[in-house]
Amino acid sequence: MSDEPTNDLVDGALADEIELVSDLVVAASTSPRHFTPEEIDALLGVSREDRDGPLGSEPVG
């Protein structure tokens, strides 16, 4: 093994998304039913406007 740096990429946004997904998986595993889209948004800490953009606008992406 080498002691040289590996130059691994660190993506903070990806790490945040992985944490959100893991939180959602844990919440879903304790629920006896499927979550509604609104419940998922609440668990992820996003509002409909965050997800869809301002009301009346086209979604981005």
PDB file of N, CA and C in Angstrom:
ATOM      1  N   MET A   1       0.832  -1.194   0.000  1.00  0.00           N
ATOM      2  CA  MET A   1       0.000   0.000   0.000  1.00  0.00           C
ATOM      3  C   MET A   1       0.869   1.247   0.000  1.00  0.00           C
ATOM      4  N   SER A   2       0.413   2.255  -0.670  1.00  0.00           N
ATOM      5  CA  SER A   2       1.174   3.499  -0.780  1.00  0.00           C
ATOM      6  C   SER A   2       0.654   4.526   0.218  1.00  0.00           C
ATOM      7  N   ASP A   3       1.551   5.370   0.708  1.00  0.00           N
ATOM      8  CA  ASP A   3       1.158   6.445   1.618  1.00  0.00           C
ATOM      9  C   ASP A   3       0.823   7.725   0.871  1.00  0.00           C
ATOM     10  N   GLU A   4       0.818   7.670  -0.464  1.00  0.00           N
ATOM     11  CA  GLU A   4       0.511   8.839  -1.266  1.00  0.00           C
ATOM     12  C   GLU A   4      -0.984   9.125  -1.229  1.00  0.00           C
ATOM     13  N   PRO A   5      -1.357  10.420  -1.341  1.00  0.00           N
ATOM     14  CA  PRO A   5      -2.786  10.747  -1.367  1.00  0.00           C
ATOM     15  C   PRO A   5      -3.471  10.072  -2.553  1.00  0.00           C
ATOM     16  N   THR A   6      -4.743   9.717  -2.362  1.00  0.00           N
ATOM     17  CA  THR A   6      -5.485   9.034  -3.419  1.00  0.00           C
ATOM     18  C   THR A   6      -6.261   9.996  -4.300  1.00  0.00           C
ATOM     19  N   ASN A   7      -6.320  11.252  -3.922  1.00  0.00           N
ATOM     20  CA  ASN A   7      -7.080  12.254  -4.668  1.00  0.00           C
ATOM     21  C   ASN A   7      -8.543  11.864  -4.823  1.00  0.00           C
ATOM     22  N   ASP A   8      -9.109  11.230  -3.802  1.00  0.00           N
ATOM     23  CA  ASP A   8     -10.522  10.874  -3.825  1.00  0.00           C
ATOM     24  C   ASP A   8     -11.359  12.138  -3.927  1.00  0.00           C
ATOM     25  N   LEU A   9     -12.415  12.041  -4.684  1.00  0.00           N
ATOM     26  CA  LEU A   9     -13.330  13.162  -4.806  1.00  0.00           C
ATOM     27  C   LEU A   9     -14.305  13.149  -3.639  1.00  0.00           C
ATOM     28  N   VAL A  10     -14.555  14.298  -3.083  1.00  0.00           N
ATOM     29  CA  VAL A  10     -15.526  14.433  -2.009  1.00  0.00           C
ATOM     30  C   VAL A  10     -16.613  15.366  -2.520  1.00  0.00           C
ATOM     31  N   ASP A  11     -17.835  14.863  -2.536  1.00  0.00           N
ATOM     32  CA  ASP A  11     -18.964  15.640  -3.037  1.00  0.00           C
ATOM     33  C   ASP A  11     -19.920  15.873  -1.881  1.00  0.00           C
ATOM     34  N   GLY A  12     -19.890  17.075  -1.329  1.00  0.00           N
ATOM     35  CA  GLY A  12     -20.729  17.405  -0.178  1.00  0.00           C
ATOM     36  C   GLY A  12     -22.205  17.286  -0.481  1.00  0.00           C
ATOM     37  N   ALA A  13     -22.631  17.702  -1.671  1.00  0.00           N
ATOM     38  CA  ALA A  13     -24.046  17.612  -2.038  1.00  0.00           C
ATOM     39  C   ALA A  13     -24.482  16.163  -2.120  1.00  0.00           C
ATOM     40  N   LEU A  14     -23.639  15.308  -2.690  1.00  0.00           N
ATOM     41  CA  LEU A  14     -23.972  13.890  -2.778  1.00  0.00           C
ATOM     42  C   LEU A  14     -24.063  13.274  -1.388  1.00  0.00           C
ATOM     43  N   ALA A  15     -23.156  13.627  -0.510  1.00  0.00           N
ATOM     44  CA  ALA A  15     -23.193  13.117   0.859  1.00  0.00           C
ATOM     45  C   ALA A  15     -24.483  13.535   1.557  1.00  0.00           C
ATOM     46  N   ASP A  16     -24.920  14.771   1.336  1.00  0.00           N
ATOM     47  CA  ASP A  16     -26.180  15.253   1.920  1.00  0.00           C
ATOM     48  C   ASP A  16     -27.366  14.461   1.376  1.00  0.00           C
ATOM     49  N   GLU A  17     -27.363  14.187   0.065  1.00  0.00           N
ATOM     50  CA  GLU A  17     -28.455  13.433  -0.531  1.00  0.00           C
ATOM     51  C   GLU A  17     -28.494  12.003  -0.007  1.00  0.00           C
ATOM     52  N   ILE A  18     -27.331  11.396   0.170  1.00  0.00           N
ATOM     53  CA  ILE A  18     -27.265  10.040   0.709  1.00  0.00           C
ATOM     54  C   ILE A  18     -27.823  10.025   2.128  1.00  0.00           C
ATOM     55  N   GLU A  19     -27.512  11.033   2.917  1.00  0.00           N
ATOM     56  CA  GLU A  19     -28.040  11.112   4.281  1.00  0.00           C
ATOM     57  C   GLU A  19     -29.565  11.253   4.271  1.00  0.00           C
ATOM     58  N   LEU A  20     -30.091  12.089   3.370  1.00  0.00           N
ATOM     59  CA  LEU A  20     -31.546  12.252   3.265  1.00  0.00           C
ATOM     60  C   LEU A  20     -32.224  10.943   2.882  1.00  0.00           C
ATOM     61  N   VAL A  21     -31.649  10.239   1.920  1.00  0.00           N
ATOM     62  CA  VAL A  21     -32.229   8.962   1.490  1.00  0.00           C
ATOM     63  C   VAL A  21     -32.186   7.949   2.632  1.00  0.00           C
ATOM     64  N   SER A  22     -31.096   7.917   3.361  1.00  0.00           N
ATOM     65  CA  SER A  22     -31.015   6.959   4.473  1.00  0.00           C
ATOM     66  C   SER A  22     -32.028   7.311   5.562  1.00  0.00           C
ATOM     67  N   ASP A  23     -32.245   8.599   5.823  1.00  0.00           N
ATOM     68  CA  ASP A  23     -33.272   8.999   6.785  1.00  0.00           C
ATOM     69  C   ASP A  23     -34.654   8.559   6.313  1.00  0.00           C
ATOM     70  N   LEU A  24     -34.909   8.691   5.026  1.00  0.00           N
ATOM     71  CA  LEU A  24     -36.187   8.287   4.462  1.00  0.00           C
ATOM     72  C   LEU A  24     -36.374   6.776   4.544  1.00  0.00           C
ATOM     73  N   VAL A  25     -35.336   6.016   4.280  1.00  0.00           N
ATOM     74  CA  VAL A  25     -35.406   4.552   4.374  1.00  0.00           C
ATOM     75  C   VAL A  25     -35.712   4.127   5.800  1.00  0.00           C
ATOM     76  N   VAL A  26     -35.064   4.749   6.769  1.00  0.00           N
ATOM     77  CA  VAL A  26     -35.322   4.414   8.173  1.00  0.00           C
ATOM     78  C   VAL A  26     -36.773   4.733   8.529  1.00  0.00           C
ATOM     79  N   ALA A  27     -37.245   5.899   8.130  1.00  0.00           N
ATOM     80  CA  ALA A  27     -38.636   6.269   8.424  1.00  0.00           C
ATOM     81  C   ALA A  27     -39.604   5.307   7.753  1.00  0.00           C
ATOM     82  N   ALA A  28     -39.344   4.938   6.506  1.00  0.00           N
ATOM     83  CA  ALA A  28     -40.233   4.028   5.778  1.00  0.00           C
ATOM     84  C   ALA A  28     -40.231   2.635   6.395  1.00  0.00           C
ATOM     85  N   SER A  29     -39.112   2.216   6.928  1.00  0.00           N
ATOM     86  CA  SER A  29     -39.033   0.865   7.491  1.00  0.00           C
ATOM     87  C   SER A  29     -39.819   0.734   8.793  1.00  0.00           C
ATOM     88  N   THR A  30     -40.158   1.853   9.403  1.00  0.00           N
ATOM     89  CA  THR A  30     -40.933   1.798  10.645  1.00  0.00           C
ATOM     90  C   THR A  30     -42.414   2.064  10.418  1.00  0.00           C
ATOM     91  N   SER A  31     -42.792   2.317   9.158  1.00  0.00           N
ATOM     92  CA  SER A  31     -44.179   2.640   8.850  1.00  0.00           C
ATOM     93  C   SER A  31     -44.901   1.430   8.256  1.00  0.00           C
ATOM     94  N   PRO A  32     -46.132   1.194   8.687  1.00  0.00           N
ATOM     95  CA  PRO A  32     -46.882   0.055   8.143  1.00  0.00           C
ATOM     96  C   PRO A  32     -47.527   0.340   6.786  1.00  0.00           C
ATOM     97  N   ARG A  33     -47.372   1.563   6.275  1.00  0.00           N
ATOM     98  CA  ARG A  33     -48.010   1.932   5.003  1.00  0.00           C
ATOM     99  C   ARG A  33     -47.066   2.775   4.168  1.00  0.00           C
ATOM    100  N   HIS A  34     -47.454   3.021   2.932  1.00  0.00           N
ATOM    101  CA  HIS A  34     -46.674   3.881   2.045  1.00  0.00           C
ATOM    102  C   HIS A  34     -46.880   5.337   2.437  1.00  0.00           C
ATOM    103  N   PHE A  35     -45.843   6.146   2.241  1.00  0.00           N
ATOM    104  CA  PHE A  35     -45.948   7.578   2.505  1.00  0.00           C
ATOM    105  C   PHE A  35     -46.563   8.292   1.300  1.00  0.00           C
ATOM    106  N   THR A  36     -47.313   9.340   1.573  1.00  0.00           N
ATOM    107  CA  THR A  36     -47.813  10.204   0.504  1.00  0.00           C
ATOM    108  C   THR A  36     -46.663  11.102   0.054  1.00  0.00           C
ATOM    109  N   PRO A  37     -46.759  11.696  -1.140  1.00  0.00           N
ATOM    110  CA  PRO A  37     -45.705  12.629  -1.560  1.00  0.00           C
ATOM    111  C   PRO A  37     -45.512  13.780  -0.573  1.00  0.00           C
ATOM    112  N   GLU A  38     -46.589  14.247   0.024  1.00  0.00           N
ATOM    113  CA  GLU A  38     -46.485  15.333   0.996  1.00  0.00           C
ATOM    114  C   GLU A  38     -45.718  14.877   2.244  1.00  0.00           C
ATOM    115  N   GLU A  39     -45.949  13.641   2.687  1.00  0.00           N
ATOM    116  CA  GLU A  39     -45.227  13.117   3.848  1.00  0.00           C
ATOM    117  C   GLU A  39     -43.740  12.943   3.531  1.00  0.00           C
ATOM    118  N   ILE A  40     -43.441  12.516   2.326  1.00  0.00           N
ATOM    119  CA  ILE A  40     -42.039  12.378   1.921  1.00  0.00           C
ATOM    120  C   ILE A  40     -41.367  13.739   1.918  1.00  0.00           C
ATOM    121  N   ASP A  41     -42.043  14.739   1.362  1.00  0.00           N
ATOM    122  CA  ASP A  41     -41.493  16.099   1.363  1.00  0.00           C
ATOM    123  C   ASP A  41     -41.216  16.565   2.789  1.00  0.00           C
ATOM    124  N   ALA A  42     -42.154  16.306   3.696  1.00  0.00           N
ATOM    125  CA  ALA A  42     -41.979  16.716   5.091  1.00  0.00           C
ATOM    126  C   ALA A  42     -40.784  15.989   5.725  1.00  0.00           C
ATOM    127  N   LEU A  43     -40.643  14.699   5.449  1.00  0.00           N
ATOM    128  CA  LEU A  43     -39.523  13.935   6.001  1.00  0.00           C
ATOM    129  C   LEU A  43     -38.181  14.440   5.475  1.00  0.00           C
ATOM    130  N   LEU A  44     -38.183  14.876   4.217  1.00  0.00           N
ATOM    131  CA  LEU A  44     -36.957  15.376   3.610  1.00  0.00           C
ATOM    132  C   LEU A  44     -36.705  16.849   3.917  1.00  0.00           C
ATOM    133  N   GLY A  45     -37.711  17.502   4.489  1.00  0.00           N
ATOM    134  CA  GLY A  45     -37.554  18.908   4.852  1.00  0.00           C
ATOM    135  C   GLY A  45     -37.662  19.857   3.679  1.00  0.00           C
ATOM    136  N   VAL A  46     -38.433  19.455   2.670  1.00  0.00           N
ATOM    137  CA  VAL A  46     -38.637  20.339   1.523  1.00  0.00           C
ATOM    138  C   VAL A  46     -40.107  20.700   1.406  1.00  0.00           C
ATOM    139  N   SER A  47     -40.356  21.849   0.814  1.00  0.00           N
ATOM    140  CA  SER A  47     -41.732  22.259   0.564  1.00  0.00           C
ATOM    141  C   SER A  47     -42.055  22.001  -0.900  1.00  0.00           C
ATOM    142  N   ARG A  48     -43.316  22.067  -1.233  1.00  0.00           N
ATOM    143  CA  ARG A  48     -43.712  21.870  -2.629  1.00  0.00           C
ATOM    144  C   ARG A  48     -43.032  22.909  -3.523  1.00  0.00           C
ATOM    145  N   GLU A  49     -42.906  24.151  -3.030  1.00  0.00           N
ATOM    146  CA  GLU A  49     -42.252  25.192  -3.820  1.00  0.00           C
ATOM    147  C   GLU A  49     -40.783  24.855  -4.043  1.00  0.00           C
ATOM    148  N   ASP A  50     -40.109  24.285  -3.023  1.00  0.00           N
ATOM    149  CA  ASP A  50     -38.716  23.878  -3.189  1.00  0.00           C
ATOM    150  C   ASP A  50     -38.599  22.815  -4.266  1.00  0.00           C
ATOM    151  N   ARG A  51     -39.560  21.887  -4.267  1.00  0.00           N
ATOM    152  CA  ARG A  51     -39.515  20.750  -5.180  1.00  0.00           C
ATOM    153  C   ARG A  51     -39.913  21.159  -6.589  1.00  0.00           C
ATOM    154  N   ASP A  52     -40.958  21.933  -6.738  1.00  0.00           N
ATOM    155  CA  ASP A  52     -41.522  22.251  -8.047  1.00  0.00           C
ATOM    156  C   ASP A  52     -41.173  23.646  -8.540  1.00  0.00           C
ATOM    157  N   GLY A  53     -40.542  24.454  -7.735  1.00  0.00           N
ATOM    158  CA  GLY A  53     -40.300  25.842  -8.100  1.00  0.00           C
ATOM    159  C   GLY A  53     -41.515  26.660  -7.704  1.00  0.00           C
ATOM    160  N   PRO A  54     -41.477  27.954  -7.931  1.00  0.00           N
ATOM    161  CA  PRO A  54     -42.625  28.792  -7.574  1.00  0.00           C
ATOM    162  C   PRO A  54     -43.905  28.298  -8.248  1.00  0.00           C
ATOM    163  N   LEU A  55     -45.000  28.386  -7.535  1.00  0.00           N
ATOM    164  CA  LEU A  55     -46.261  27.926  -8.088  1.00  0.00           C
ATOM    165  C   LEU A  55     -46.544  28.617  -9.404  1.00  0.00           C
ATOM    166  N   GLY A  56     -46.988  27.845 -10.372  1.00  0.00           N
ATOM    167  CA  GLY A  56     -47.287  28.382 -11.678  1.00  0.00           C
ATOM    168  C   GLY A  56     -46.110  28.377 -12.637  1.00  0.00           C
ATOM    169  N   SER A  57     -44.942  27.949 -12.168  1.00  0.00           N
ATOM    170  CA  SER A  57     -43.788  27.897 -13.063  1.00  0.00           C
ATOM    171  C   SER A  57     -43.537  26.462 -13.462  1.00  0.00           C
ATOM    172  N   GLU A  58     -42.774  26.294 -14.508  1.00  0.00           N
ATOM    173  CA  GLU A  58     -42.391  24.966 -14.961  1.00  0.00           C
ATOM    174  C   GLU A  58     -41.295  24.411 -14.050  1.00  0.00           C
ATOM    175  N   PRO A  59     -41.346  23.113 -13.731  1.00  0.00           N
ATOM    176  CA  PRO A  59     -40.260  22.514 -12.939  1.00  0.00           C
ATOM    177  C   PRO A  59     -38.932  22.615 -13.666  1.00  0.00           C
ATOM    178  N   VAL A  60     -37.871  22.776 -12.905  1.00  0.00           N
ATOM    179  CA  VAL A  60     -36.530  22.857 -13.471  1.00  0.00           C
ATOM    180  C   VAL A  60     -35.929  21.460 -13.504  1.00  0.00           C
ATOM    181  N   GLY A  61     -35.232  21.114 -14.572  1.00  0.00           N
ATOM    182  CA  GLY A  61     -34.537  19.847 -14.620  1.00  0.00           C
ATOM    183  C   GLY A  61     -35.148  18.960 -15.573  1.00  0.00           C
TER     184      GLY A  61
END
